[in-house]
Amino acid sequence: MIKLVACDLDGTLLNDDKRIAPQTLQAIGRLAGRGVRFVIASARPPRSVRHLYDQLHLNTLQINYNGALIWDQVAQLAVDHRPLPGLLALEIIQFARAIDKQVLVTCEIMDRWHTDRFDNTYSTATGELFGPDVIEPVEQFCDGEVTKLLLLGPGTVMQAIRPQVLEHFGDRANVVCTEPELLQIMEKSVSKAASLRRVVERDGIGLDQVLAIGDGENDLEMLSECGIGAAVANAAPALKRAANWVAPRPNSLGVLDALQRYCGV
């Protein structure tokens, strides 16, 4: 029996217009009556999830930054934080900019955006909602721990940088590519699956009682380790191959398909 649903946001729970389908919103609202908890598992920071958390009327922990942070939105505090050493982040930045000096850099430190050059030509879902909190030289904001490092630029540039970053730093950091213009870099042990294990342990349930839903390769471990792994119709091919089931519809309506099939809502 499913006791908890762990769901990705962008490309999964959210439609292309970054909204939750009304039918899906209603179905999630019915989960609590069946004793099922709903947990957001996203690459986004807490500030970029807050409006969705409130819309869903949740009281659960949330997984942010691909698992680098477990955040208690109700209490407004970090339950678990797995940051990247700042010196390693700086080393990666310098390495990437030696390949192409125009690479844009974002360092998320807890729930604040640090950068040395603001340019919204290449952005993230969070960048569309918020501006940077701090603009200063990278050496200044890499003097401590970094929750998540993001490198952004043209797809052709990032395509050249990604294999080199993986080759030089893959044994020291978790490098994730879900979009052609973006690399996400976290502490080596970080994943949505690892953080989800910590969340369900606190709730006293097993991963075999979890329905995980996603669309990207950063959801791969999470879907593979849970009792049921469901991919929405627009999911990456590798995720579809790993999933127990693929929804007939994309993103938000695909989540609805999964909730109806496995939770009966």
C-alpha atoms as a PDB file:
ATOM      1  CA  MET A   1       0.000   0.000   0.000  1.00  0.00           C
ATOM      2  CA  ILE A   2       1.338   3.435  -0.934  1.00  0.00           C
ATOM      3  CA  LYS A   3       1.932   5.624   2.127  1.00  0.00           C
ATOM      4  CA  LEU A   4       3.854   8.462   0.489  1.00  0.00           C
ATOM      5  CA  VAL A   5       4.103  10.060  -2.946  1.00  0.00           C
ATOM      6  CA  ALA A   6       7.384  11.761  -3.920  1.00  0.00           C
ATOM      7  CA  CYS A   7       6.967  13.976  -6.969  1.00  0.00           C
ATOM      8  CA  ASP A   8       9.241  16.108  -9.113  1.00  0.00           C
ATOM      9  CA  LEU A   9       8.032  19.578 -10.160  1.00  0.00           C
ATOM     10  CA  ASP A  10       9.282  20.919 -13.505  1.00  0.00           C
ATOM     11  CA  GLY A  11       8.226  18.675 -16.362  1.00  0.00           C
ATOM     12  CA  THR A  12       6.281  16.482 -13.958  1.00  0.00           C
ATOM     13  CA  LEU A  13       3.780  18.055 -11.564  1.00  0.00           C
ATOM     14  CA  LEU A  14       3.901  21.350 -13.486  1.00  0.00           C
ATOM     15  CA  ASN A  15       2.584  21.848 -17.005  1.00  0.00           C
ATOM     16  CA  ASP A  16       4.514  23.809 -19.612  1.00  0.00           C
ATOM     17  CA  ASP A  17       2.977  26.992 -18.187  1.00  0.00           C
ATOM     18  CA  LYS A  18       4.373  26.076 -14.718  1.00  0.00           C
ATOM     19  CA  ARG A  19       0.929  25.379 -13.279  1.00  0.00           C
ATOM     20  CA  ILE A  20      -0.669  22.332 -11.695  1.00  0.00           C
ATOM     21  CA  ALA A  21      -3.690  20.983 -13.586  1.00  0.00           C
ATOM     22  CA  PRO A  22      -6.865  21.573 -11.513  1.00  0.00           C
ATOM     23  CA  GLN A  23      -7.778  17.861 -11.602  1.00  0.00           C
ATOM     24  CA  THR A  24      -4.322  16.950 -10.289  1.00  0.00           C
ATOM     25  CA  LEU A  25      -4.547  19.571  -7.557  1.00  0.00           C
ATOM     26  CA  GLN A  26      -7.864  18.096  -6.407  1.00  0.00           C
ATOM     27  CA  ALA A  27      -6.493  14.551  -6.452  1.00  0.00           C
ATOM     28  CA  ILE A  28      -3.516  15.542  -4.289  1.00  0.00           C
ATOM     29  CA  GLY A  29      -5.955  17.161  -1.879  1.00  0.00           C
ATOM     30  CA  ARG A  30      -7.699  13.798  -1.475  1.00  0.00           C
ATOM     31  CA  LEU A  31      -4.503  11.895  -0.602  1.00  0.00           C
ATOM     32  CA  ALA A  32      -4.496  12.893   3.074  1.00  0.00           C
ATOM     33  CA  GLY A  33      -7.929  11.339   3.532  1.00  0.00           C
ATOM     34  CA  ARG A  34      -6.410   8.046   2.397  1.00  0.00           C
ATOM     35  CA  GLY A  35      -3.453   8.365   4.772  1.00  0.00           C
ATOM     36  CA  VAL A  36      -0.984   9.206   1.993  1.00  0.00           C
ATOM     37  CA  ARG A  37       1.613  11.967   2.387  1.00  0.00           C
ATOM     38  CA  PHE A  38       2.790  14.073  -0.570  1.00  0.00           C
ATOM     39  CA  VAL A  39       6.426  15.202  -0.766  1.00  0.00           C
ATOM     40  CA  ILE A  40       7.901  17.572  -3.342  1.00  0.00           C
ATOM     41  CA  ALA A  41      11.301  16.424  -4.641  1.00  0.00           C
ATOM     42  CA  SER A  42      12.760  19.145  -6.831  1.00  0.00           C
ATOM     43  CA  ALA A  43      15.944  20.739  -8.131  1.00  0.00           C
ATOM     44  CA  ARG A  44      14.493  24.104  -7.087  1.00  0.00           C
ATOM     45  CA  PRO A  45      15.376  26.059  -3.921  1.00  0.00           C
ATOM     46  CA  PRO A  46      12.793  26.557  -1.150  1.00  0.00           C
ATOM     47  CA  ARG A  47      11.807  30.081  -2.234  1.00  0.00           C
ATOM     48  CA  SER A  48      10.862  28.811  -5.696  1.00  0.00           C
ATOM     49  CA  VAL A  49       8.667  26.041  -4.256  1.00  0.00           C
ATOM     50  CA  ARG A  50       6.893  28.020  -1.535  1.00  0.00           C
ATOM     51  CA  HIS A  51       3.888  29.140  -3.602  1.00  0.00           C
ATOM     52  CA  LEU A  52       3.287  25.574  -4.813  1.00  0.00           C
ATOM     53  CA  TYR A  53       3.683  24.127  -1.314  1.00  0.00           C
ATOM     54  CA  ASP A  54       1.057  26.571  -0.055  1.00  0.00           C
ATOM     55  CA  GLN A  55      -1.242  25.902  -3.004  1.00  0.00           C
ATOM     56  CA  LEU A  56      -1.126  22.173  -2.214  1.00  0.00           C
ATOM     57  CA  HIS A  57      -1.770  22.820   1.519  1.00  0.00           C
ATOM     58  CA  LEU A  58       1.152  20.602   2.481  1.00  0.00           C
ATOM     59  CA  ASN A  59       2.727  20.086   5.893  1.00  0.00           C
ATOM     60  CA  THR A  60       5.436  17.638   4.804  1.00  0.00           C
ATOM     61  CA  LEU A  61       9.176  18.077   4.448  1.00  0.00           C
ATOM     62  CA  GLN A  62      10.394  18.943   0.971  1.00  0.00           C
ATOM     63  CA  ILE A  63      13.486  17.895  -0.968  1.00  0.00           C
ATOM     64  CA  ASN A  64      15.302  20.776  -2.664  1.00  0.00           C
ATOM     65  CA  TYR A  65      18.390  21.169  -4.848  1.00  0.00           C
ATOM     66  CA  ASN A  66      18.146  17.553  -6.092  1.00  0.00           C
ATOM     67  CA  GLY A  67      18.539  16.389  -2.509  1.00  0.00           C
ATOM     68  CA  ALA A  68      21.252  18.729  -1.211  1.00  0.00           C
ATOM     69  CA  LEU A  69      18.688  20.187   1.191  1.00  0.00           C
ATOM     70  CA  ILE A  70      15.732  18.767   3.104  1.00  0.00           C
ATOM     71  CA  TRP A  71      13.647  21.761   4.126  1.00  0.00           C
ATOM     72  CA  ASP A  72      10.900  22.146   6.706  1.00  0.00           C
ATOM     73  CA  GLN A  73       8.706  24.814   5.162  1.00  0.00           C
ATOM     74  CA  VAL A  74       6.406  25.011   8.187  1.00  0.00           C
ATOM     75  CA  ALA A  75       9.233  25.640  10.656  1.00  0.00           C
ATOM     76  CA  GLN A  76      11.376  27.497   8.084  1.00  0.00           C
ATOM     77  CA  LEU A  77      14.524  25.524   8.809  1.00  0.00           C
ATOM     78  CA  ALA A  78      16.914  23.040   7.245  1.00  0.00           C
ATOM     79  CA  VAL A  79      16.485  19.456   8.425  1.00  0.00           C
ATOM     80  CA  ASP A  80      19.439  18.133   6.416  1.00  0.00           C
ATOM     81  CA  HIS A  81      22.048  20.027   4.370  1.00  0.00           C
ATOM     82  CA  ARG A  82      24.721  18.370   2.180  1.00  0.00           C
ATOM     83  CA  PRO A  83      26.736  21.240   0.644  1.00  0.00           C
ATOM     84  CA  LEU A  84      29.603  21.279  -1.825  1.00  0.00           C
ATOM     85  CA  PRO A  85      32.918  22.573  -0.406  1.00  0.00           C
ATOM     86  CA  GLY A  86      33.381  26.145  -1.560  1.00  0.00           C
ATOM     87  CA  LEU A  87      36.959  25.583  -2.716  1.00  0.00           C
ATOM     88  CA  LEU A  88      35.780  22.720  -4.930  1.00  0.00           C
ATOM     89  CA  ALA A  89      33.007  24.924  -6.367  1.00  0.00           C
ATOM     90  CA  LEU A  90      35.593  27.622  -7.132  1.00  0.00           C
ATOM     91  CA  GLU A  91      37.880  25.074  -8.787  1.00  0.00           C
ATOM     92  CA  ILE A  92      35.031  23.883 -11.041  1.00  0.00           C
ATOM     93  CA  ILE A  93      34.080  27.461 -11.945  1.00  0.00           C
ATOM     94  CA  GLN A  94      37.655  28.328 -12.899  1.00  0.00           C
ATOM     95  CA  PHE A  95      37.966  25.119 -14.905  1.00  0.00           C
ATOM     96  CA  ALA A  96      34.730  25.812 -16.847  1.00  0.00           C
ATOM     97  CA  ARG A  97      35.685  29.421 -17.537  1.00  0.00           C
ATOM     98  CA  ALA A  98      39.071  28.342 -18.830  1.00  0.00           C
ATOM     99  CA  ILE A  99      37.108  26.515 -21.538  1.00  0.00           C
ATOM    100  CA  ASP A 100      34.730  29.444 -22.150  1.00  0.00           C
ATOM    101  CA  LYS A 101      35.022  32.646 -20.113  1.00  0.00           C
ATOM    102  CA  GLN A 102      31.390  33.603 -20.811  1.00  0.00           C
ATOM    103  CA  VAL A 103      29.959  30.717 -18.759  1.00  0.00           C
ATOM    104  CA  LEU A 104      27.433  32.080 -16.277  1.00  0.00           C
ATOM    105  CA  VAL A 105      27.723  31.029 -12.644  1.00  0.00           C
ATOM    106  CA  THR A 106      25.049  30.651  -9.985  1.00  0.00           C
ATOM    107  CA  CYS A 107      25.851  29.489  -6.474  1.00  0.00           C
ATOM    108  CA  GLU A 108      22.833  28.667  -4.326  1.00  0.00           C
ATOM    109  CA  ILE A 109      23.794  28.906  -0.671  1.00  0.00           C
ATOM    110  CA  MET A 110      20.901  27.647   1.438  1.00  0.00           C
ATOM    111  CA  ASP A 111      18.097  29.762  -0.064  1.00  0.00           C
ATOM    112  CA  ARG A 112      20.098  32.652  -1.531  1.00  0.00           C
ATOM    113  CA  TRP A 113      21.362  33.181  -5.082  1.00  0.00           C
ATOM    114  CA  HIS A 114      24.959  34.384  -5.412  1.00  0.00           C
ATOM    115  CA  THR A 115      26.530  35.308  -8.756  1.00  0.00           C
ATOM    116  CA  ASP A 116      29.313  37.503 -10.123  1.00  0.00           C
ATOM    117  CA  ARG A 117      27.468  38.491 -13.304  1.00  0.00           C
ATOM    118  CA  PHE A 118      23.700  38.736 -13.746  1.00  0.00           C
ATOM    119  CA  ASP A 119      22.566  37.864 -17.251  1.00  0.00           C
ATOM    120  CA  ASN A 120      19.116  36.346 -17.792  1.00  0.00           C
ATOM    121  CA  THR A 121      19.879  35.180 -21.345  1.00  0.00           C
ATOM    122  CA  TYR A 122      20.208  31.676 -19.881  1.00  0.00           C
ATOM    123  CA  SER A 123      18.072  31.108 -16.844  1.00  0.00           C
ATOM    124  CA  THR A 124      16.276  28.552 -14.694  1.00  0.00           C
ATOM    125  CA  ALA A 125      12.679  28.276 -13.481  1.00  0.00           C
ATOM    126  CA  THR A 126      13.823  30.008 -10.284  1.00  0.00           C
ATOM    127  CA  GLY A 127      15.591  32.722 -12.269  1.00  0.00           C
ATOM    128  CA  GLU A 128      12.290  33.545 -13.939  1.00  0.00           C
ATOM    129  CA  LEU A 129      10.748  34.217 -10.520  1.00  0.00           C
ATOM    130  CA  PHE A 130      13.580  35.824  -8.542  1.00  0.00           C
ATOM    131  CA  GLY A 131      16.670  37.910  -9.094  1.00  0.00           C
ATOM    132  CA  PRO A 132      20.067  37.326  -7.465  1.00  0.00           C
ATOM    133  CA  ASP A 133      20.478  38.114  -3.778  1.00  0.00           C
ATOM    134  CA  VAL A 134      24.216  38.823  -4.001  1.00  0.00           C
ATOM    135  CA  ILE A 135      26.401  39.995  -6.901  1.00  0.00           C
ATOM    136  CA  GLU A 136      30.107  39.832  -6.031  1.00  0.00           C
ATOM    137  CA  PRO A 137      33.315  38.085  -7.170  1.00  0.00           C
ATOM    138  CA  VAL A 138      33.102  34.290  -7.093  1.00  0.00           C
ATOM    139  CA  GLU A 139      36.034  34.115  -4.683  1.00  0.00           C
ATOM    140  CA  GLN A 140      33.926  35.884  -2.062  1.00  0.00           C
ATOM    141  CA  PHE A 141      30.879  33.611  -2.132  1.00  0.00           C
ATOM    142  CA  CYS A 142      32.944  30.432  -2.544  1.00  0.00           C
ATOM    143  CA  ASP A 143      34.789  31.041   0.732  1.00  0.00           C
ATOM    144  CA  GLY A 144      32.332  28.743   2.539  1.00  0.00           C
ATOM    145  CA  GLU A 145      29.948  25.922   1.664  1.00  0.00           C
ATOM    146  CA  VAL A 146      27.847  25.984  -1.526  1.00  0.00           C
ATOM    147  CA  THR A 147      24.510  24.158  -1.574  1.00  0.00           C
ATOM    148  CA  LYS A 148      24.386  23.904  -5.384  1.00  0.00           C
ATOM    149  CA  LEU A 149      26.522  25.217  -8.208  1.00  0.00           C
ATOM    150  CA  LEU A 150      24.956  25.933 -11.595  1.00  0.00           C
ATOM    151  CA  LEU A 151      26.836  26.613 -14.830  1.00  0.00           C
ATOM    152  CA  LEU A 152      24.820  28.142 -17.671  1.00  0.00           C
ATOM    153  CA  GLY A 153      25.478  29.023 -21.283  1.00  0.00           C
ATOM    154  CA  PRO A 154      24.671  28.186 -24.917  1.00  0.00           C
ATOM    155  CA  GLY A 155      23.848  24.536 -25.499  1.00  0.00           C
ATOM    156  CA  THR A 156      26.887  24.040 -27.743  1.00  0.00           C
ATOM    157  CA  VAL A 157      29.199  25.429 -25.057  1.00  0.00           C
ATOM    158  CA  MET A 158      27.658  23.384 -22.264  1.00  0.00           C
ATOM    159  CA  GLN A 159      27.783  20.267 -24.433  1.00  0.00           C
ATOM    160  CA  ALA A 160      31.553  20.748 -24.679  1.00  0.00           C
ATOM    161  CA  ILE A 161      31.992  21.575 -20.988  1.00  0.00           C
ATOM    162  CA  ARG A 162      29.912  18.750 -19.523  1.00  0.00           C
ATOM    163  CA  PRO A 163      32.153  15.778 -20.448  1.00  0.00           C
ATOM    164  CA  GLN A 164      35.258  17.647 -19.303  1.00  0.00           C
ATOM    165  CA  VAL A 165      33.692  18.569 -15.952  1.00  0.00           C
ATOM    166  CA  LEU A 166      32.593  14.946 -15.521  1.00  0.00           C
ATOM    167  CA  GLU A 167      36.064  13.662 -16.350  1.00  0.00           C
ATOM    168  CA  HIS A 168      37.873  16.003 -13.976  1.00  0.00           C
ATOM    169  CA  PHE A 169      35.359  16.263 -11.129  1.00  0.00           C
ATOM    170  CA  GLY A 170      32.997  13.286 -11.441  1.00  0.00           C
ATOM    171  CA  ASP A 171      34.725  11.502  -8.560  1.00  0.00           C
ATOM    172  CA  ARG A 172      34.282  14.533  -6.264  1.00  0.00           C
ATOM    173  CA  ALA A 173      30.889  15.954  -7.220  1.00  0.00           C
ATOM    174  CA  ASN A 174      27.478  14.932  -8.532  1.00  0.00           C
ATOM    175  CA  VAL A 175      27.086  16.509 -11.978  1.00  0.00           C
ATOM    176  CA  VAL A 176      23.544  16.526 -13.398  1.00  0.00           C
ATOM    177  CA  CYS A 177      22.375  17.677 -16.830  1.00  0.00           C
ATOM    178  CA  THR A 178      18.614  17.888 -17.371  1.00  0.00           C
ATOM    179  CA  GLU A 179      18.653  20.804 -19.846  1.00  0.00           C
ATOM    180  CA  PRO A 180      21.098  21.550 -22.678  1.00  0.00           C
ATOM    181  CA  GLU A 181      21.967  25.026 -21.377  1.00  0.00           C
ATOM    182  CA  LEU A 182      22.525  24.048 -17.736  1.00  0.00           C
ATOM    183  CA  LEU A 183      24.783  21.935 -15.519  1.00  0.00           C
ATOM    184  CA  GLN A 184      23.802  21.351 -11.890  1.00  0.00           C
ATOM    185  CA  ILE A 185      26.607  20.365  -9.516  1.00  0.00           C
ATOM    186  CA  MET A 186      26.133  19.120  -5.966  1.00  0.00           C
ATOM    187  CA  GLU A 187      28.095  17.325  -3.266  1.00  0.00           C
ATOM    188  CA  LYS A 188      29.061  13.827  -4.404  1.00  0.00           C
ATOM    189  CA  SER A 189      26.605  11.848  -2.216  1.00  0.00           C
ATOM    190  CA  VAL A 190      23.603  14.063  -3.022  1.00  0.00           C
ATOM    191  CA  SER A 191      20.569  12.645  -4.830  1.00  0.00           C
ATOM    192  CA  LYS A 192      16.809  12.819  -4.519  1.00  0.00           C
ATOM    193  CA  ALA A 193      16.835   9.116  -3.604  1.00  0.00           C
ATOM    194  CA  ALA A 194      19.271   9.597  -0.710  1.00  0.00           C
ATOM    195  CA  SER A 195      17.244  12.465   0.750  1.00  0.00           C
ATOM    196  CA  LEU A 196      13.986  10.587   0.256  1.00  0.00           C
ATOM    197  CA  ARG A 197      15.400   7.699   2.293  1.00  0.00           C
ATOM    198  CA  ARG A 198      16.032  10.129   5.159  1.00  0.00           C
ATOM    199  CA  VAL A 199      12.518  11.607   4.849  1.00  0.00           C
ATOM    200  CA  VAL A 200      10.713   8.253   4.934  1.00  0.00           C
ATOM    201  CA  GLU A 201      12.830   7.060   7.869  1.00  0.00           C
ATOM    202  CA  ARG A 202      11.528  10.028   9.855  1.00  0.00           C
ATOM    203  CA  ASP A 203       7.974   9.014   8.897  1.00  0.00           C
ATOM    204  CA  GLY A 204       8.584   5.380   9.886  1.00  0.00           C
ATOM    205  CA  ILE A 205       7.788   3.912   6.474  1.00  0.00           C
ATOM    206  CA  GLY A 206       9.833   2.032   3.886  1.00  0.00           C
ATOM    207  CA  LEU A 207      10.727   2.990   0.337  1.00  0.00           C
ATOM    208  CA  ASP A 208       8.644   0.006  -0.773  1.00  0.00           C
ATOM    209  CA  GLN A 209       5.580   2.036   0.325  1.00  0.00           C
ATOM    210  CA  VAL A 210       6.528   5.046  -1.816  1.00  0.00           C
ATOM    211  CA  LEU A 211       5.238   6.049  -5.257  1.00  0.00           C
ATOM    212  CA  ALA A 212       7.865   8.208  -6.984  1.00  0.00           C
ATOM    213  CA  ILE A 213       6.929  10.243 -10.068  1.00  0.00           C
ATOM    214  CA  GLY A 214       9.347  12.085 -12.352  1.00  0.00           C
ATOM    215  CA  ASP A 215      10.457  13.049 -15.844  1.00  0.00           C
ATOM    216  CA  GLY A 216      14.222  13.640 -15.811  1.00  0.00           C
ATOM    217  CA  GLU A 217      17.408  11.668 -15.373  1.00  0.00           C
ATOM    218  CA  ASN A 218      17.896  13.323 -11.964  1.00  0.00           C
ATOM    219  CA  ASP A 219      14.809  11.302 -10.908  1.00  0.00           C
ATOM    220  CA  LEU A 220      16.334   7.992 -12.003  1.00  0.00           C
ATOM    221  CA  GLU A 221      17.624   6.743  -8.635  1.00  0.00           C
ATOM    222  CA  MET A 222      14.462   7.862  -6.865  1.00  0.00           C
ATOM    223  CA  LEU A 223      12.197   5.925  -9.230  1.00  0.00           C
ATOM    224  CA  SER A 224      14.456   2.880  -9.165  1.00  0.00           C
ATOM    225  CA  GLU A 225      14.602   2.625  -5.378  1.00  0.00           C
ATOM    226  CA  CYS A 226      10.929   3.164  -4.535  1.00  0.00           C
ATOM    227  CA  GLY A 227       8.156   0.578  -4.437  1.00  0.00           C
ATOM    228  CA  ILE A 228       6.601   2.081  -7.553  1.00  0.00           C
ATOM    229  CA  GLY A 229       8.434   4.331  -9.982  1.00  0.00           C
ATOM    230  CA  ALA A 230       6.153   6.124 -12.453  1.00  0.00           C
ATOM    231  CA  ALA A 231       7.351   8.225 -15.378  1.00  0.00           C
ATOM    232  CA  VAL A 232       5.140  10.799 -17.072  1.00  0.00           C
ATOM    233  CA  ALA A 233       4.686  10.508 -20.846  1.00  0.00           C
ATOM    234  CA  ASN A 234       7.190  13.301 -21.579  1.00  0.00           C
ATOM    235  CA  ALA A 235       9.940  11.697 -19.467  1.00  0.00           C
ATOM    236  CA  ALA A 236      13.494  11.106 -20.677  1.00  0.00           C
ATOM    237  CA  PRO A 237      13.938   7.723 -22.418  1.00  0.00           C
ATOM    238  CA  ALA A 238      16.275   6.441 -19.674  1.00  0.00           C
ATOM    239  CA  LEU A 239      13.660   7.191 -17.025  1.00  0.00           C
ATOM    240  CA  LYS A 240      10.916   5.456 -18.993  1.00  0.00           C
ATOM    241  CA  ARG A 241      13.103   2.349 -19.242  1.00  0.00           C
ATOM    242  CA  ALA A 242      13.700   2.345 -15.472  1.00  0.00           C
ATOM    243  CA  ALA A 243      10.092   3.047 -14.455  1.00  0.00           C
ATOM    244  CA  ASN A 244       7.614   0.399 -13.359  1.00  0.00           C
ATOM    245  CA  TRP A 245       4.952   2.212 -15.340  1.00  0.00           C
ATOM    246  CA  VAL A 246       4.720   5.104 -17.806  1.00  0.00           C
ATOM    247  CA  ALA A 247       1.684   7.372 -17.634  1.00  0.00           C
ATOM    248  CA  PRO A 248      -0.282   7.802 -20.870  1.00  0.00           C
ATOM    249  CA  ARG A 249      -0.295  11.587 -20.499  1.00  0.00           C
ATOM    250  CA  PRO A 250       2.490  14.175 -19.984  1.00  0.00           C
ATOM    251  CA  ASN A 251       3.458  16.207 -16.906  1.00  0.00           C
ATOM    252  CA  SER A 252       0.606  17.269 -14.582  1.00  0.00           C
ATOM    253  CA  LEU A 253      -2.027  14.996 -16.115  1.00  0.00           C
ATOM    254  CA  GLY A 254       0.477  12.139 -16.067  1.00  0.00           C
ATOM    255  CA  VAL A 255       0.809  12.669 -12.321  1.00  0.00           C
ATOM    256  CA  LEU A 256      -2.970  12.451 -12.090  1.00  0.00           C
ATOM    257  CA  ASP A 257      -2.876   9.165 -14.027  1.00  0.00           C
ATOM    258  CA  ALA A 258      -0.357   7.758 -11.534  1.00  0.00           C
ATOM    259  CA  LEU A 259      -2.304   8.928  -8.489  1.00  0.00           C
ATOM    260  CA  GLN A 260      -5.502   7.375  -9.814  1.00  0.00           C
ATOM    261  CA  ARG A 261      -3.778   4.106 -10.672  1.00  0.00           C
ATOM    262  CA  TYR A 262      -1.774   3.603  -7.467  1.00  0.00           C
ATOM    263  CA  CYS A 263      -3.555   5.698  -4.815  1.00  0.00           C
ATOM    264  CA  GLY A 264      -7.173   5.439  -5.962  1.00  0.00           C
ATOM    265  CA  VAL A 265      -7.899   9.177  -5.784  1.00  0.00           C
END
